[in-house]
Amino acid sequence: MDKALSNKSPGGRSARASALERPSRAEAEAAVRTLIRWAGDDPAREGLRATPARVVRAYEEWFAGYAEDPREYLKRTFEETGGYDEVVVLRDIRFESHCEHHIAPIIGRIHIGYLPRNRVVGISKLARLVEVYARRLQIQEKLTAEIAACLDAVLKPHGVAVVAEATHQCMTTRGVHKTGVSMVTSRMLGVFRDHAETRQEFLTAIGMRGAIHVANGSG
């Protein structure tokens, strides 16, 4: 295998993926017209004539995360914390993503906690971090793990905790058609994984007391 293709790019994607030639806008719009025809309608009729262009513009927004490096948002940190050494929690960060299996919406919220070592990051940057990863084709488990890993690698805190709660339209609008169902995933690193007390403090802060247990130091 070519060594260059086996490396990871800054945004968390493989060099192989980023090296793929991106289709032109015209090709993307042609693909949408093909799907409309496959669905059984006429892309040339008045109501659908501008749909391919609209879909491509929507894709540019929905999947803007591929063009961004999430670590860039965490580079500016603050050391003047007045000696603060307790857990920092930002909860209820709403996100919209798309399932990589059906390109159906995943809509939910993410809660982030970390125990600073020497520095903290602006809270808006945590929301931006979520947004970058969410604006890629995803599965919820991977989204949760990516956010936690990025925070841990860049800030190097004593620990990181991430919990995601979301509904998946690939389950509610097709297949089993089960509404009112939400999925919860979590990733605990450092003190949140090793110390039940710290983990419980975070879970209580986000209103999930006793909802997540980490057995034998893993989770």
Protein backbone atom coordinates (compact mmCIF):
# COMPACT_ATOMS: atom_id res chain seq x y z
CA MET A 1 0.00 0.00 0.00
CA ASP A 2 1.20 3.48 -0.81
CA LYS A 3 2.45 5.00 2.46
CA ALA A 4 0.85 8.36 1.68
CA LEU A 5 -2.55 6.73 1.39
CA SER A 6 -2.29 5.02 4.77
CA ASN A 7 -1.79 8.22 6.78
CA LYS A 8 -4.48 10.24 8.50
CA SER A 9 -5.32 13.76 7.46
CA PRO A 10 -5.74 16.58 10.06
CA GLY A 11 -9.52 16.46 9.89
CA GLY A 12 -9.62 12.85 11.02
CA ARG A 13 -10.25 11.38 7.55
CA SER A 14 -7.87 9.02 5.82
CA ALA A 15 -5.62 10.45 3.12
CA ARG A 16 -7.20 7.93 0.76
CA ALA A 17 -10.65 9.48 1.30
CA SER A 18 -9.41 13.06 0.96
CA ALA A 19 -7.46 12.17 -2.19
CA LEU A 20 -10.56 10.94 -4.03
CA GLU A 21 -11.49 13.21 -6.90
CA ARG A 22 -14.56 15.24 -5.99
CA PRO A 23 -17.29 15.26 -8.65
CA SER A 24 -18.21 18.57 -10.20
CA ARG A 25 -21.38 20.41 -9.22
CA ALA A 26 -22.88 19.49 -12.60
CA GLU A 27 -22.17 15.80 -11.97
CA ALA A 28 -23.71 16.01 -8.50
CA GLU A 29 -26.86 17.65 -9.86
CA ALA A 30 -27.07 15.00 -12.60
CA ALA A 31 -26.94 12.32 -9.90
CA VAL A 32 -29.89 13.91 -8.12
CA ARG A 33 -31.87 13.99 -11.37
CA THR A 34 -31.13 10.28 -11.79
CA LEU A 35 -32.48 9.55 -8.30
CA ILE A 36 -35.62 11.56 -9.00
CA ARG A 37 -36.21 9.51 -12.17
CA TRP A 38 -35.50 6.30 -10.24
CA ALA A 39 -38.08 7.34 -7.62
CA GLY A 40 -40.64 7.57 -10.45
CA ASP A 41 -40.95 11.29 -11.08
CA ASP A 42 -39.89 13.68 -13.82
CA PRO A 43 -36.96 15.96 -12.89
CA ALA A 44 -37.94 18.25 -15.75
CA ARG A 45 -41.36 19.17 -14.36
CA GLU A 46 -41.75 22.64 -12.87
CA GLY A 47 -41.77 21.66 -9.20
CA LEU A 48 -38.60 19.57 -9.51
CA ARG A 49 -36.62 21.58 -12.04
CA ALA A 50 -34.55 23.42 -9.42
CA THR A 51 -34.42 20.52 -6.96
CA PRO A 52 -31.01 19.12 -8.02
CA ALA A 53 -29.34 22.50 -7.41
CA ARG A 54 -31.11 22.84 -4.06
CA VAL A 55 -30.04 19.36 -2.97
CA VAL A 56 -26.42 20.03 -3.84
CA ARG A 57 -26.48 23.29 -1.87
CA ALA A 58 -28.02 21.42 1.06
CA TYR A 59 -25.27 18.79 0.88
CA GLU A 60 -22.65 21.53 1.01
CA GLU A 61 -24.15 22.66 4.30
CA TRP A 62 -24.94 19.26 5.79
CA PHE A 63 -21.48 17.85 5.09
CA ALA A 64 -19.33 20.95 5.60
CA GLY A 65 -17.42 19.12 8.34
CA TYR A 66 -15.25 17.32 5.80
CA ALA A 67 -13.54 20.61 4.95
CA GLU A 68 -12.74 21.51 8.56
CA ASP A 69 -10.17 20.36 11.11
CA PRO A 70 -11.94 20.08 14.49
CA ARG A 71 -8.67 20.54 16.37
CA GLU A 72 -8.40 24.11 15.09
CA TYR A 73 -11.34 25.12 17.32
CA LEU A 74 -9.52 23.91 20.44
CA LYS A 75 -6.19 25.63 19.85
CA ARG A 76 -7.08 28.84 21.68
CA THR A 77 -7.25 28.10 25.39
CA PHE A 78 -7.17 30.16 28.59
CA GLU A 79 -4.87 29.70 31.57
CA GLU A 80 -6.34 32.44 33.80
CA THR A 81 -8.93 30.31 35.59
CA GLY A 82 -8.57 31.66 39.13
CA GLY A 83 -7.42 28.26 40.31
CA TYR A 84 -10.58 26.53 39.08
CA ASP A 85 -10.05 22.78 39.26
CA GLU A 86 -13.52 21.27 39.06
CA VAL A 87 -15.42 19.59 36.24
CA VAL A 88 -16.56 21.78 33.32
CA VAL A 89 -19.84 20.67 31.74
CA LEU A 90 -21.61 21.92 28.62
CA ARG A 91 -24.90 20.12 28.15
CA ASP A 92 -27.70 19.99 25.61
CA ILE A 93 -25.61 20.83 22.54
CA ARG A 94 -28.11 20.18 19.77
CA PHE A 95 -26.75 18.48 16.69
CA GLU A 96 -27.98 17.31 13.31
CA SER A 97 -26.07 14.64 11.45
CA HIS A 98 -26.73 11.97 8.81
CA CYS A 99 -26.54 8.21 9.12
CA GLU A 100 -23.82 6.81 6.90
CA HIS A 101 -25.95 3.75 6.12
CA HIS A 102 -29.04 5.48 4.71
CA ILE A 103 -28.08 9.21 4.65
CA ALA A 104 -31.08 9.77 6.92
CA PRO A 105 -31.05 12.47 9.62
CA ILE A 106 -29.78 11.84 13.14
CA ILE A 107 -31.05 14.56 15.48
CA GLY A 108 -30.18 14.89 19.12
CA ARG A 109 -28.04 16.51 21.77
CA ILE A 110 -24.59 15.99 23.16
CA HIS A 111 -23.28 16.64 26.67
CA ILE A 112 -19.56 17.27 27.20
CA GLY A 113 -17.60 17.32 30.42
CA TYR A 114 -13.90 17.63 31.12
CA LEU A 115 -11.65 18.13 34.12
CA PRO A 116 -9.06 20.79 33.16
CA ARG A 117 -5.40 20.24 33.86
CA ASN A 118 -3.98 23.75 33.31
CA ARG A 119 -6.28 25.42 30.83
CA VAL A 120 -9.87 25.71 29.63
CA VAL A 121 -11.42 26.33 26.23
CA GLY A 122 -14.24 28.71 25.30
CA ILE A 123 -17.62 27.00 25.49
CA SER A 124 -18.56 28.03 21.95
CA LYS A 125 -15.57 26.02 20.74
CA LEU A 126 -17.05 22.87 22.27
CA ALA A 127 -20.24 23.46 20.32
CA ARG A 128 -18.19 24.03 17.16
CA LEU A 129 -16.34 20.77 17.78
CA VAL A 130 -19.63 18.89 17.88
CA GLU A 131 -20.79 20.63 14.72
CA VAL A 132 -17.70 19.69 12.70
CA TYR A 133 -17.99 15.99 13.44
CA ALA A 134 -21.78 15.99 13.09
CA ARG A 135 -21.54 17.48 9.61
CA ARG A 136 -20.12 14.27 8.20
CA LEU A 137 -21.70 10.93 7.40
CA GLN A 138 -21.74 9.25 10.81
CA ILE A 139 -22.88 6.59 13.19
CA GLN A 140 -23.63 7.83 16.68
CA GLU A 141 -21.07 5.60 18.37
CA LYS A 142 -18.28 6.98 16.20
CA LEU A 143 -19.45 10.58 16.65
CA THR A 144 -19.31 10.18 20.44
CA ALA A 145 -15.85 8.62 20.37
CA GLU A 146 -14.42 11.19 17.93
CA ILE A 147 -15.48 14.17 20.03
CA ALA A 148 -14.02 12.64 23.20
CA ALA A 149 -10.75 11.64 21.51
CA CYS A 150 -10.22 15.09 19.98
CA LEU A 151 -10.81 16.87 23.30
CA ASP A 152 -8.49 14.48 25.09
CA ALA A 153 -5.70 14.80 22.49
CA VAL A 154 -5.72 18.59 22.20
CA LEU A 155 -6.57 19.81 25.72
CA LYS A 156 -4.88 16.93 27.57
CA PRO A 157 -7.21 17.28 30.59
CA HIS A 158 -7.45 14.91 33.54
CA GLY A 159 -10.45 13.35 31.85
CA VAL A 160 -13.20 13.72 29.25
CA ALA A 161 -16.83 12.60 29.26
CA VAL A 162 -19.19 12.68 26.29
CA VAL A 163 -22.80 11.48 26.19
CA ALA A 164 -24.97 11.62 23.07
CA GLU A 165 -28.75 11.16 22.90
CA ALA A 166 -30.40 11.05 19.49
CA THR A 167 -33.24 9.80 17.33
CA HIS A 168 -32.46 8.15 14.03
CA GLN A 169 -34.77 8.78 11.09
CA CYS A 170 -33.51 5.62 9.38
CA MET A 171 -35.41 3.81 12.14
CA THR A 172 -38.44 6.08 12.54
CA THR A 173 -39.31 6.72 8.88
CA ARG A 174 -38.37 3.36 7.33
CA GLY A 175 -37.62 -0.22 8.32
CA VAL A 176 -39.21 -0.95 11.71
CA HIS A 177 -40.94 2.48 11.86
CA LYS A 178 -40.46 2.85 15.62
CA THR A 179 -41.07 6.41 16.83
CA GLY A 180 -40.30 7.79 20.27
CA VAL A 181 -37.08 5.78 20.49
CA SER A 182 -33.77 7.44 21.33
CA MET A 183 -30.26 6.05 21.41
CA VAL A 184 -27.74 6.90 24.14
CA THR A 185 -23.99 6.49 23.70
CA SER A 186 -21.13 7.52 25.96
CA ARG A 187 -17.35 7.72 26.05
CA MET A 188 -15.51 8.20 29.34
CA LEU A 189 -11.77 8.87 29.44
CA GLY A 190 -9.29 9.51 32.27
CA VAL A 191 -10.83 10.28 35.66
CA PHE A 192 -14.36 9.87 34.29
CA ARG A 193 -13.55 6.28 33.43
CA ASP A 194 -11.42 5.48 36.47
CA HIS A 195 -13.36 7.24 39.25
CA ALA A 196 -17.04 6.52 39.75
CA GLU A 197 -17.49 9.65 41.86
CA THR A 198 -16.28 11.98 39.10
CA ARG A 199 -18.33 10.12 36.51
CA GLN A 200 -21.43 10.36 38.70
CA GLU A 201 -20.88 14.10 39.18
CA PHE A 202 -20.99 14.54 35.41
CA LEU A 203 -24.03 12.32 34.93
CA THR A 204 -25.90 14.16 37.67
CA ALA A 205 -25.05 17.51 36.04
CA ILE A 206 -26.63 16.38 32.76
CA GLY A 207 -29.65 14.83 34.46
CA MET A 208 -28.71 11.19 33.86
CA ARG A 209 -27.90 10.11 37.39
CA GLY A 210 -27.33 6.37 37.54
CA ALA A 211 -28.15 5.97 33.85
CA ILE A 212 -24.67 4.95 32.70
CA HIS A 213 -22.39 2.48 34.44
CA VAL A 214 -18.79 1.73 33.55
CA ALA A 215 -17.88 -1.82 34.49
CA ASN A 216 -14.35 -2.80 35.43
CA GLY A 217 -12.90 0.56 34.42
CA SER A 218 -14.10 0.42 30.83
CA GLY A 219 -16.97 2.03 28.98
